[in-house]
PDB file of N, CA and C in Angstrom:
ATOM      1  N   MET A   1      13.914  55.986 -18.732  1.00  0.00           N
ATOM      2  CA  MET A   1      13.250  55.156 -18.407  1.00  0.00           C
ATOM      3  C   MET A   1      14.478  53.714 -18.642  1.00  0.00           C
ATOM      4  N   GLU A   2      14.186  52.776 -18.132  1.00  0.00           N
ATOM      5  CA  GLU A   2      15.142  51.399 -18.316  1.00  0.00           C
ATOM      6  C   GLU A   2      14.356  50.599 -18.765  1.00  0.00           C
ATOM      7  N   TYR A   3      15.463  49.752 -19.636  1.00  0.00           N
ATOM      8  CA  TYR A   3      14.525  48.113 -20.461  1.00  0.00           C
ATOM      9  C   TYR A   3      15.411  47.684 -20.430  1.00  0.00           C
ATOM     10  N   MET A   4      14.639  46.352 -20.365  1.00  0.00           N
ATOM     11  CA  MET A   4      15.635  45.221 -20.303  1.00  0.00           C
ATOM     12  C   MET A   4      15.282  44.609 -21.571  1.00  0.00           C
ATOM     13  N   VAL A   5      16.924  44.370 -22.380  1.00  0.00           N
ATOM     14  CA  VAL A   5      16.783  43.870 -23.764  1.00  0.00           C
ATOM     15  C   VAL A   5      16.963  42.332 -23.352  1.00  0.00           C
ATOM     16  N   THR A   6      16.244  41.150 -24.175  1.00  0.00           N
ATOM     17  CA  THR A   6      17.248  39.747 -24.443  1.00  0.00           C
ATOM     18  C   THR A   6      17.046  39.268 -25.096  1.00  0.00           C
ATOM     19  N   CYS A   7      18.187  38.503 -25.630  1.00  0.00           N
ATOM     20  CA  CYS A   7      18.785  38.614 -26.936  1.00  0.00           C
ATOM     21  C   CYS A   7      18.690  37.564 -27.631  1.00  0.00           C
ATOM     22  N   ASP A   8      18.183  36.467 -28.166  1.00  0.00           N
ATOM     23  CA  ASP A   8      18.478  34.979 -28.466  1.00  0.00           C
ATOM     24  C   ASP A   8      19.816  35.193 -29.602  1.00  0.00           C
ATOM     25  N   LEU A   9      20.906  34.668 -29.610  1.00  0.00           N
ATOM     26  CA  LEU A   9      21.943  34.286 -30.546  1.00  0.00           C
ATOM     27  C   LEU A   9      22.362  33.180 -31.250  1.00  0.00           C
ATOM     28  N   PRO A  10      22.929  33.329 -32.336  1.00  0.00           N
ATOM     29  CA  PRO A  10      22.449  31.945 -33.480  1.00  0.00           C
ATOM     30  C   PRO A  10      23.468  30.718 -32.463  1.00  0.00           C
ATOM     31  N   SER A  11      22.240  29.504 -32.736  1.00  0.00           N
ATOM     32  CA  SER A  11      23.066  28.375 -32.082  1.00  0.00           C
ATOM     33  C   SER A  11      24.281  28.115 -32.286  1.00  0.00           C
ATOM     34  N   THR A  12      24.647  28.782 -34.041  1.00  0.00           N
ATOM     35  CA  THR A  12      26.425  27.932 -34.391  1.00  0.00           C
ATOM     36  C   THR A  12      26.543  29.907 -34.840  1.00  0.00           C
ATOM     37  N   LEU A  13      27.913  29.763 -34.060  1.00  0.00           N
ATOM     38  CA  LEU A  13      28.550  30.610 -34.223  1.00  0.00           C
ATOM     39  C   LEU A  13      29.181  31.317 -35.789  1.00  0.00           C
ATOM     40  N   THR A  14      29.447  31.711 -36.488  1.00  0.00           N
ATOM     41  CA  THR A  14      30.266  31.697 -37.951  1.00  0.00           C
ATOM     42  C   THR A  14      31.002  32.200 -37.419  1.00  0.00           C
ATOM     43  N   PRO A  15      32.305  32.396 -38.259  1.00  0.00           N
ATOM     44  CA  PRO A  15      33.283  33.090 -38.347  1.00  0.00           C
ATOM     45  C   PRO A  15      33.050  34.547 -38.531  1.00  0.00           C
ATOM     46  N   ASP A  16      31.933  34.904 -39.603  1.00  0.00           N
ATOM     47  CA  ASP A  16      31.163  36.317 -39.082  1.00  0.00           C
ATOM     48  C   ASP A  16      31.149  36.598 -38.478  1.00  0.00           C
ATOM     49  N   PHE A  17      29.884  36.201 -37.741  1.00  0.00           N
ATOM     50  CA  PHE A  17      29.692  36.460 -36.057  1.00  0.00           C
ATOM     51  C   PHE A  17      30.990  36.510 -35.651  1.00  0.00           C
ATOM     52  N   LEU A  18      31.740  35.600 -35.131  1.00  0.00           N
ATOM     53  CA  LEU A  18      32.739  36.155 -34.162  1.00  0.00           C
ATOM     54  C   LEU A  18      33.759  36.826 -34.467  1.00  0.00           C
ATOM     55  N   GLU A  19      33.974  37.752 -35.825  1.00  0.00           N
ATOM     56  CA  GLU A  19      35.444  38.848 -36.290  1.00  0.00           C
ATOM     57  C   GLU A  19      34.653  39.915 -35.754  1.00  0.00           C
ATOM     58  N   LEU A  20      33.068  40.075 -35.548  1.00  0.00           N
ATOM     59  CA  LEU A  20      32.057  41.009 -34.969  1.00  0.00           C
ATOM     60  C   LEU A  20      32.182  41.595 -33.127  1.00  0.00           C
ATOM     61  N   ILE A  21      33.167  40.140 -33.034  1.00  0.00           N
ATOM     62  CA  ILE A  21      33.071  40.359 -31.311  1.00  0.00           C
ATOM     63  C   ILE A  21      33.928  41.403 -31.010  1.00  0.00           C
ATOM     64  N   PRO A  22      34.700  41.443 -31.231  1.00  0.00           N
ATOM     65  CA  PRO A  22      35.794  42.319 -30.430  1.00  0.00           C
ATOM     66  C   PRO A  22      35.402  43.960 -30.478  1.00  0.00           C
ATOM     67  N   GLU A  23      34.362  44.503 -32.101  1.00  0.00           N
ATOM     68  CA  GLU A  23      34.057  45.528 -32.324  1.00  0.00           C
ATOM     69  C   GLU A  23      32.455  45.457 -31.308  1.00  0.00           C
ATOM     70  N   GLN A  24      31.738  44.499 -31.148  1.00  0.00           N
ATOM     71  CA  GLN A  24      30.888  44.807 -30.325  1.00  0.00           C
ATOM     72  C   GLN A  24      31.135  45.312 -28.872  1.00  0.00           C
ATOM     73  N   ARG A  25      32.292  45.196 -27.988  1.00  0.00           N
ATOM     74  CA  ARG A  25      32.877  44.857 -26.873  1.00  0.00           C
ATOM     75  C   ARG A  25      33.179  46.746 -26.885  1.00  0.00           C
ATOM     76  N   GLU A  26      33.854  46.613 -28.051  1.00  0.00           N
ATOM     77  CA  GLU A  26      34.377  48.390 -27.624  1.00  0.00           C
ATOM     78  C   GLU A  26      33.280  49.332 -27.906  1.00  0.00           C
ATOM     79  N   ILE A  27      32.086  48.942 -28.303  1.00  0.00           N
ATOM     80  CA  ILE A  27      31.067  49.772 -28.323  1.00  0.00           C
ATOM     81  C   ILE A  27      29.686  49.435 -27.474  1.00  0.00           C
ATOM     82  N   VAL A  28      30.175  48.297 -26.717  1.00  0.00           N
ATOM     83  CA  VAL A  28      29.573  47.833 -25.042  1.00  0.00           C
ATOM     84  C   VAL A  28      29.960  49.121 -24.264  1.00  0.00           C
ATOM     85  N   ASP A  29      31.563  48.921 -24.390  1.00  0.00           N
ATOM     86  CA  ASP A  29      32.112  49.987 -23.492  1.00  0.00           C
ATOM     87  C   ASP A  29      31.807  50.890 -23.455  1.00  0.00           C
ATOM     88  N   LYS A  30      31.973  52.396 -24.800  1.00  0.00           N
ATOM     89  CA  LYS A  30      31.584  53.469 -24.947  1.00  0.00           C
ATOM     90  C   LYS A  30      30.203  53.756 -24.292  1.00  0.00           C
ATOM     91  N   MET A  31      29.355  52.399 -24.443  1.00  0.00           N
ATOM     92  CA  MET A  31      27.842  53.140 -23.902  1.00  0.00           C
ATOM     93  C   MET A  31      28.028  52.560 -22.485  1.00  0.00           C
ATOM     94  N   PHE A  32      28.918  51.609 -21.333  1.00  0.00           N
ATOM     95  CA  PHE A  32      28.743  51.893 -20.506  1.00  0.00           C
ATOM     96  C   PHE A  32      29.650  53.023 -19.964  1.00  0.00           C
ATOM     97  N   GLN A  33      30.300  54.059 -20.913  1.00  0.00           N
ATOM     98  CA  GLN A  33      31.184  55.442 -19.959  1.00  0.00           C
ATOM     99  C   GLN A  33      30.317  56.492 -20.678  1.00  0.00           C
ATOM    100  N   LYS A  34      29.343  55.761 -21.737  1.00  0.00           N
ATOM    101  CA  LYS A  34      28.300  57.172 -21.801  1.00  0.00           C
ATOM    102  C   LYS A  34      27.251  56.916 -20.764  1.00  0.00           C
ATOM    103  N   GLY A  35      26.743  55.875 -19.805  1.00  0.00           N
ATOM    104  CA  GLY A  35      26.135  55.909 -19.129  1.00  0.00           C
ATOM    105  C   GLY A  35      24.674  55.460 -20.169  1.00  0.00           C
ATOM    106  N   THR A  36      24.450  54.886 -20.927  1.00  0.00           N
ATOM    107  CA  THR A  36      23.373  54.411 -22.037  1.00  0.00           C
ATOM    108  C   THR A  36      23.340  53.075 -21.460  1.00  0.00           C
ATOM    109  N   LEU A  37      24.087  52.042 -21.140  1.00  0.00           N
ATOM    110  CA  LEU A  37      23.874  50.541 -20.587  1.00  0.00           C
ATOM    111  C   LEU A  37      23.876  50.636 -19.086  1.00  0.00           C
ATOM    112  N   THR A  38      23.375  49.885 -18.273  1.00  0.00           N
ATOM    113  CA  THR A  38      23.372  49.782 -17.061  1.00  0.00           C
ATOM    114  C   THR A  38      23.601  48.171 -17.078  1.00  0.00           C
ATOM    115  N   SER A  39      23.474  47.719 -17.656  1.00  0.00           N
ATOM    116  CA  SER A  39      24.128  46.077 -17.794  1.00  0.00           C
ATOM    117  C   SER A  39      24.096  44.791 -19.332  1.00  0.00           C
ATOM    118  N   TYR A  40      25.357  44.066 -19.066  1.00  0.00           N
ATOM    119  CA  TYR A  40      25.446  43.591 -19.762  1.00  0.00           C
ATOM    120  C   TYR A  40      26.271  41.609 -19.764  1.00  0.00           C
ATOM    121  N   ILE A  41      24.799  41.012 -20.109  1.00  0.00           N
ATOM    122  CA  ILE A  41      24.774  39.078 -19.398  1.00  0.00           C
ATOM    123  C   ILE A  41      24.902  38.265 -20.296  1.00  0.00           C
ATOM    124  N   LEU A  42      26.134  38.097 -20.881  1.00  0.00           N
ATOM    125  CA  LEU A  42      26.080  36.696 -21.673  1.00  0.00           C
ATOM    126  C   LEU A  42      25.865  35.357 -20.366  1.00  0.00           C
ATOM    127  N   ALA A  43      24.529  34.853 -21.117  1.00  0.00           N
ATOM    128  CA  ALA A  43      24.917  33.193 -20.196  1.00  0.00           C
ATOM    129  C   ALA A  43      25.548  32.574 -21.015  1.00  0.00           C
ATOM    130  N   LEU A  44      26.473  31.666 -20.342  1.00  0.00           N
ATOM    131  CA  LEU A  44      27.538  30.580 -20.173  1.00  0.00           C
ATOM    132  C   LEU A  44      27.176  29.815 -21.301  1.00  0.00           C
ATOM    133  N   ASP A  45      26.358  29.294 -21.819  1.00  0.00           N
ATOM    134  CA  ASP A  45      26.452  28.091 -23.000  1.00  0.00           C
ATOM    135  C   ASP A  45      26.128  29.069 -24.595  1.00  0.00           C
ATOM    136  N   ARG A  46      26.008  30.633 -24.132  1.00  0.00           N
ATOM    137  CA  ARG A  46      26.555  31.669 -25.188  1.00  0.00           C
ATOM    138  C   ARG A  46      25.455  31.925 -25.610  1.00  0.00           C
ATOM    139  N   SER A  47      24.224  31.289 -25.502  1.00  0.00           N
ATOM    140  CA  SER A  47      22.729  31.211 -25.828  1.00  0.00           C
ATOM    141  C   SER A  47      21.635  32.402 -26.181  1.00  0.00           C
ATOM    142  N   LYS A  48      22.338  33.357 -24.913  1.00  0.00           N
ATOM    143  CA  LYS A  48      21.375  34.324 -24.401  1.00  0.00           C
ATOM    144  C   LYS A  48      21.964  35.696 -24.192  1.00  0.00           C
ATOM    145  N   LEU A  49      21.977  36.743 -24.593  1.00  0.00           N
ATOM    146  CA  LEU A  49      22.342  38.067 -23.847  1.00  0.00           C
ATOM    147  C   LEU A  49      21.026  38.527 -23.161  1.00  0.00           C
ATOM    148  N   TRP A  50      21.740  39.324 -22.004  1.00  0.00           N
ATOM    149  CA  TRP A  50      20.729  40.078 -21.231  1.00  0.00           C
ATOM    150  C   TRP A  50      21.318  41.381 -21.232  1.00  0.00           C
ATOM    151  N   ILE A  51      20.297  42.340 -21.499  1.00  0.00           N
ATOM    152  CA  ILE A  51      21.196  44.021 -21.706  1.00  0.00           C
ATOM    153  C   ILE A  51      19.863  44.692 -21.019  1.00  0.00           C
ATOM    154  N   THR A  52      20.218  45.442 -20.428  1.00  0.00           N
ATOM    155  CA  THR A  52      19.965  46.627 -19.561  1.00  0.00           C
ATOM    156  C   THR A  52      20.163  47.954 -20.138  1.00  0.00           C
ATOM    157  N   ILE A  53      19.383  49.177 -20.657  1.00  0.00           N
ATOM    158  CA  ILE A  53      19.855  50.029 -21.327  1.00  0.00           C
ATOM    159  C   ILE A  53      18.694  50.993 -20.748  1.00  0.00           C
ATOM    160  N   LEU A  54      19.129  52.325 -21.210  1.00  0.00           N
ATOM    161  CA  LEU A  54      18.178  53.558 -20.303  1.00  0.00           C
ATOM    162  C   LEU A  54      18.023  53.950 -21.817  1.00  0.00           C
ATOM    163  N   GLY A  55      17.030  54.763 -21.959  1.00  0.00           N
ATOM    164  CA  GLY A  55      16.141  55.337 -23.467  1.00  0.00           C
ATOM    165  C   GLY A  55      14.667  56.073 -22.661  1.00  0.00           C
ATOM    166  N   THR A  56      14.384  56.944 -23.590  1.00  0.00           N
ATOM    167  CA  THR A  56      13.294  57.015 -23.581  1.00  0.00           C
ATOM    168  C   THR A  56      12.182  56.220 -23.696  1.00  0.00           C
ATOM    169  N   ASN A  57      11.901  55.881 -24.917  1.00  0.00           N
ATOM    170  CA  ASN A  57      10.660  54.961 -25.323  1.00  0.00           C
ATOM    171  C   ASN A  57      11.743  53.990 -26.061  1.00  0.00           C
ATOM    172  N   GLU A  58      10.447  52.856 -26.637  1.00  0.00           N
ATOM    173  CA  GLU A  58      11.517  51.256 -27.197  1.00  0.00           C
ATOM    174  C   GLU A  58      12.397  52.110 -28.258  1.00  0.00           C
ATOM    175  N   GLU A  59      11.563  53.059 -29.402  1.00  0.00           N
ATOM    176  CA  GLU A  59      12.239  53.442 -30.723  1.00  0.00           C
ATOM    177  C   GLU A  59      13.587  53.992 -30.372  1.00  0.00           C
ATOM    178  N   GLU A  60      13.670  54.582 -29.036  1.00  0.00           N
ATOM    179  CA  GLU A  60      14.934  55.024 -29.238  1.00  0.00           C
ATOM    180  C   GLU A  60      16.043  53.680 -28.430  1.00  0.00           C
ATOM    181  N   VAL A  61      15.972  53.092 -27.190  1.00  0.00           N
ATOM    182  CA  VAL A  61      16.222  51.965 -27.477  1.00  0.00           C
ATOM    183  C   VAL A  61      16.786  50.770 -28.547  1.00  0.00           C
ATOM    184  N   MET A  62      16.021  51.496 -29.499  1.00  0.00           N
ATOM    185  CA  MET A  62      16.356  50.431 -30.548  1.00  0.00           C
ATOM    186  C   MET A  62      17.287  50.975 -31.529  1.00  0.00           C
ATOM    187  N   GLU A  63      17.397  52.376 -31.628  1.00  0.00           N
ATOM    188  CA  GLU A  63      18.537  53.150 -32.197  1.00  0.00           C
ATOM    189  C   GLU A  63      19.233  52.461 -31.741  1.00  0.00           C
ATOM    190  N   LYS A  64      19.796  52.246 -30.561  1.00  0.00           N
ATOM    191  CA  LYS A  64      20.737  52.297 -30.122  1.00  0.00           C
ATOM    192  C   LYS A  64      21.518  50.955 -29.842  1.00  0.00           C
ATOM    193  N   LEU A  65      20.507  50.056 -29.642  1.00  0.00           N
ATOM    194  CA  LEU A  65      21.040  48.536 -30.099  1.00  0.00           C
ATOM    195  C   LEU A  65      21.098  48.824 -31.486  1.00  0.00           C
ATOM    196  N   ALA A  66      20.653  49.019 -32.512  1.00  0.00           N
ATOM    197  CA  ALA A  66      21.140  49.507 -33.765  1.00  0.00           C
ATOM    198  C   ALA A  66      22.298  49.584 -34.029  1.00  0.00           C
ATOM    199  N   LYS A  67      23.133  50.094 -33.496  1.00  0.00           N
ATOM    200  CA  LYS A  67      25.102  50.165 -33.083  1.00  0.00           C
ATOM    201  C   LYS A  67      25.499  49.322 -32.603  1.00  0.00           C
ATOM    202  N   LEU A  68      24.888  48.002 -32.489  1.00  0.00           N
ATOM    203  CA  LEU A  68      25.700  46.797 -31.823  1.00  0.00           C
ATOM    204  C   LEU A  68      25.971  46.241 -33.260  1.00  0.00           C
ATOM    205  N   PRO A  69      27.441  45.657 -33.843  1.00  0.00           N
ATOM    206  CA  PRO A  69      27.675  44.704 -34.999  1.00  0.00           C
ATOM    207  C   PRO A  69      27.077  43.677 -34.891  1.00  0.00           C
ATOM    208  N   LEU A  70      26.534  42.979 -33.931  1.00  0.00           N
ATOM    209  CA  LEU A  70      25.687  41.774 -33.816  1.00  0.00           C
ATOM    210  C   LEU A  70      24.247  41.779 -33.733  1.00  0.00           C
ATOM    211  N   MET A  71      24.168  42.953 -34.187  1.00  0.00           N
ATOM    212  CA  MET A  71      22.196  42.716 -33.951  1.00  0.00           C
ATOM    213  C   MET A  71      21.806  42.343 -35.243  1.00  0.00           C
ATOM    214  N   PRO A  72      22.502  42.305 -36.071  1.00  0.00           N
ATOM    215  CA  PRO A  72      21.895  41.469 -37.207  1.00  0.00           C
ATOM    216  C   PRO A  72      21.847  40.238 -36.842  1.00  0.00           C
ATOM    217  N   TYR A  73      22.050  39.787 -36.391  1.00  0.00           N
ATOM    218  CA  TYR A  73      22.171  38.074 -35.576  1.00  0.00           C
ATOM    219  C   TYR A  73      21.364  37.635 -34.507  1.00  0.00           C
ATOM    220  N   MET A  74      21.121  38.513 -33.910  1.00  0.00           N
ATOM    221  CA  MET A  74      20.370  38.552 -32.638  1.00  0.00           C
ATOM    222  C   MET A  74      18.407  38.806 -33.187  1.00  0.00           C
ATOM    223  N   ARG A  75      17.507  37.769 -32.112  1.00  0.00           N
ATOM    224  CA  ARG A  75      16.430  38.402 -31.860  1.00  0.00           C
ATOM    225  C   ARG A  75      16.322  38.721 -30.395  1.00  0.00           C
ATOM    226  N   VAL A  76      15.993  39.958 -30.716  1.00  0.00           N
ATOM    227  CA  VAL A  76      15.260  40.731 -29.063  1.00  0.00           C
ATOM    228  C   VAL A  76      13.902  40.900 -29.114  1.00  0.00           C
ATOM    229  N   GLU A  77      13.708  40.994 -27.579  1.00  0.00           N
ATOM    230  CA  GLU A  77      12.458  41.267 -27.437  1.00  0.00           C
ATOM    231  C   GLU A  77      12.951  42.602 -26.108  1.00  0.00           C
ATOM    232  N   ILE A  78      11.754  43.631 -25.839  1.00  0.00           N
ATOM    233  CA  ILE A  78      12.404  44.753 -25.122  1.00  0.00           C
ATOM    234  C   ILE A  78      11.254  44.537 -24.428  1.00  0.00           C
ATOM    235  N   TYR A  79      11.914  44.926 -22.545  1.00  0.00           N
ATOM    236  CA  TYR A  79      10.957  45.025 -21.712  1.00  0.00           C
ATOM    237  C   TYR A  79      10.934  46.076 -20.866  1.00  0.00           C
ATOM    238  N   GLU A  80      10.059  47.251 -21.194  1.00  0.00           N
ATOM    239  CA  GLU A  80      10.098  48.477 -20.042  1.00  0.00           C
ATOM    240  C   GLU A  80      10.017  48.159 -18.694  1.00  0.00           C
ATOM    241  N   LEU A  81      11.040  48.634 -17.393  1.00  0.00           N
ATOM    242  CA  LEU A  81      11.071  48.301 -16.678  1.00  0.00           C
ATOM    243  C   LEU A  81      10.819  48.945 -15.567  1.00  0.00           C
ATOM    244  N   ALA A  82       9.837  48.694 -14.482  1.00  0.00           N
ATOM    245  CA  ALA A  82       9.326  49.529 -13.369  1.00  0.00           C
ATOM    246  C   ALA A  82      10.344  49.540 -12.525  1.00  0.00           C
ATOM    247  N   PHE A  83      11.297  49.118 -11.903  1.00  0.00           N
ATOM    248  CA  PHE A  83      12.465  49.515 -11.172  1.00  0.00           C
ATOM    249  C   PHE A  83      13.920  48.429 -11.305  1.00  0.00           C
ATOM    250  N   HIS A  84      14.720  48.323 -11.285  1.00  0.00           N
ATOM    251  CA  HIS A  84      16.029  47.950 -11.628  1.00  0.00           C
ATOM    252  C   HIS A  84      17.087  47.779 -10.474  1.00  0.00           C
ATOM    253  N   ASN A  85      16.944  46.981  -9.633  1.00  0.00           N
ATOM    254  CA  ASN A  85      17.618  46.966  -8.351  1.00  0.00           C
ATOM    255  C   ASN A  85      18.971  46.067  -8.649  1.00  0.00           C
ATOM    256  N   ALA A  86      20.421  46.771  -8.054  1.00  0.00           N
ATOM    257  CA  ALA A  86      21.682  45.556  -8.497  1.00  0.00           C
ATOM    258  C   ALA A  86      22.220  46.028  -7.091  1.00  0.00           C
ATOM    259  N   ALA A  87      23.379  45.534  -6.711  1.00  0.00           N
ATOM    260  CA  ALA A  87      24.622  45.913  -6.087  1.00  0.00           C
ATOM    261  C   ALA A  87      25.492  46.603  -7.052  1.00  0.00           C
ATOM    262  N   ARG A  88      26.094  47.323  -5.845  1.00  0.00           N
ATOM    263  CA  ARG A  88      27.058  48.334  -6.587  1.00  0.00           C
ATOM    264  C   ARG A  88      28.661  48.431  -5.876  1.00  0.00           C
ATOM    265  N   VAL A  89      29.245  48.543  -6.588  1.00  0.00           N
ATOM    266  CA  VAL A  89      30.612  48.401  -5.751  1.00  0.00           C
ATOM    267  C   VAL A  89      30.979  49.010  -5.487  1.00  0.00           C
ATOM    268  N   VAL A  90      31.224  49.298  -4.462  1.00  0.00           N
ATOM    269  CA  VAL A  90      31.580  50.373  -3.696  1.00  0.00           C
ATOM    270  C   VAL A  90      32.982  50.357  -3.110  1.00  0.00           C
ATOM    271  N   LEU A  91      33.693  51.322  -3.775  1.00  0.00           N
ATOM    272  CA  LEU A  91      35.367  51.695  -2.968  1.00  0.00           C
ATOM    273  C   LEU A  91      34.920  51.849  -1.401  1.00  0.00           C
ATOM    274  N   PRO A  92      36.688  51.389  -1.085  1.00  0.00           N
ATOM    275  CA  PRO A  92      36.663  52.094   0.762  1.00  0.00           C
ATOM    276  C   PRO A  92      37.065  53.535   0.686  1.00  0.00           C
ATOM    277  N   ALA A  93      36.979  54.025   1.280  1.00  0.00           N
ATOM    278  CA  ALA A  93      37.566  55.144   1.851  1.00  0.00           C
ATOM    279  C   ALA A  93      39.028  55.441   1.402  1.00  0.00           C
ATOM    280  N   VAL A  94      39.083  56.244   1.030  1.00  0.00           N
ATOM    281  CA  VAL A  94      40.941  56.183   1.054  1.00  0.00           C
ATOM    282  C   VAL A  94      41.350  56.815   2.215  1.00  0.00           C
ATOM    283  N   SER A  95      42.448  56.625   2.667  1.00  0.00           N
ATOM    284  CA  SER A  95      43.024  56.980   4.169  1.00  0.00           C
ATOM    285  C   SER A  95      44.362  57.624   3.553  1.00  0.00           C
ATOM    286  N   LEU A  96      44.753  59.355   3.847  1.00  0.00           N
ATOM    287  CA  LEU A  96      45.809  59.487   3.920  1.00  0.00           C
ATOM    288  C   LEU A  96      47.151  59.788   4.435  1.00  0.00           C
ATOM    289  N   ASN A  97      47.008  58.905   5.639  1.00  0.00           N
ATOM    290  CA  ASN A  97      47.678  58.244   6.557  1.00  0.00           C
ATOM    291  C   ASN A  97      49.144  57.480   6.436  1.00  0.00           C
TER     292      ASN A  97
END
């Protein structure tokens, strides 16, 4: 199953929060490589984060999200999705000529 997670971020980004961003990005990248995350979107005003993630149930999704260093700073809501359509990047065919 695929889930949409909405995360409310703190209105004031403390130095402790900001220090964790590089580690967060590293873990997010690894989750993309494993196929766990399908999207990760930050609002321009940095107040909200939207994540689509694969999991068998909400408990498993929470276990996966718990690996993110910024989780203690976020209030999350999880929604099971019926479907998720998104445009995929398609690379042009390679010509050997």
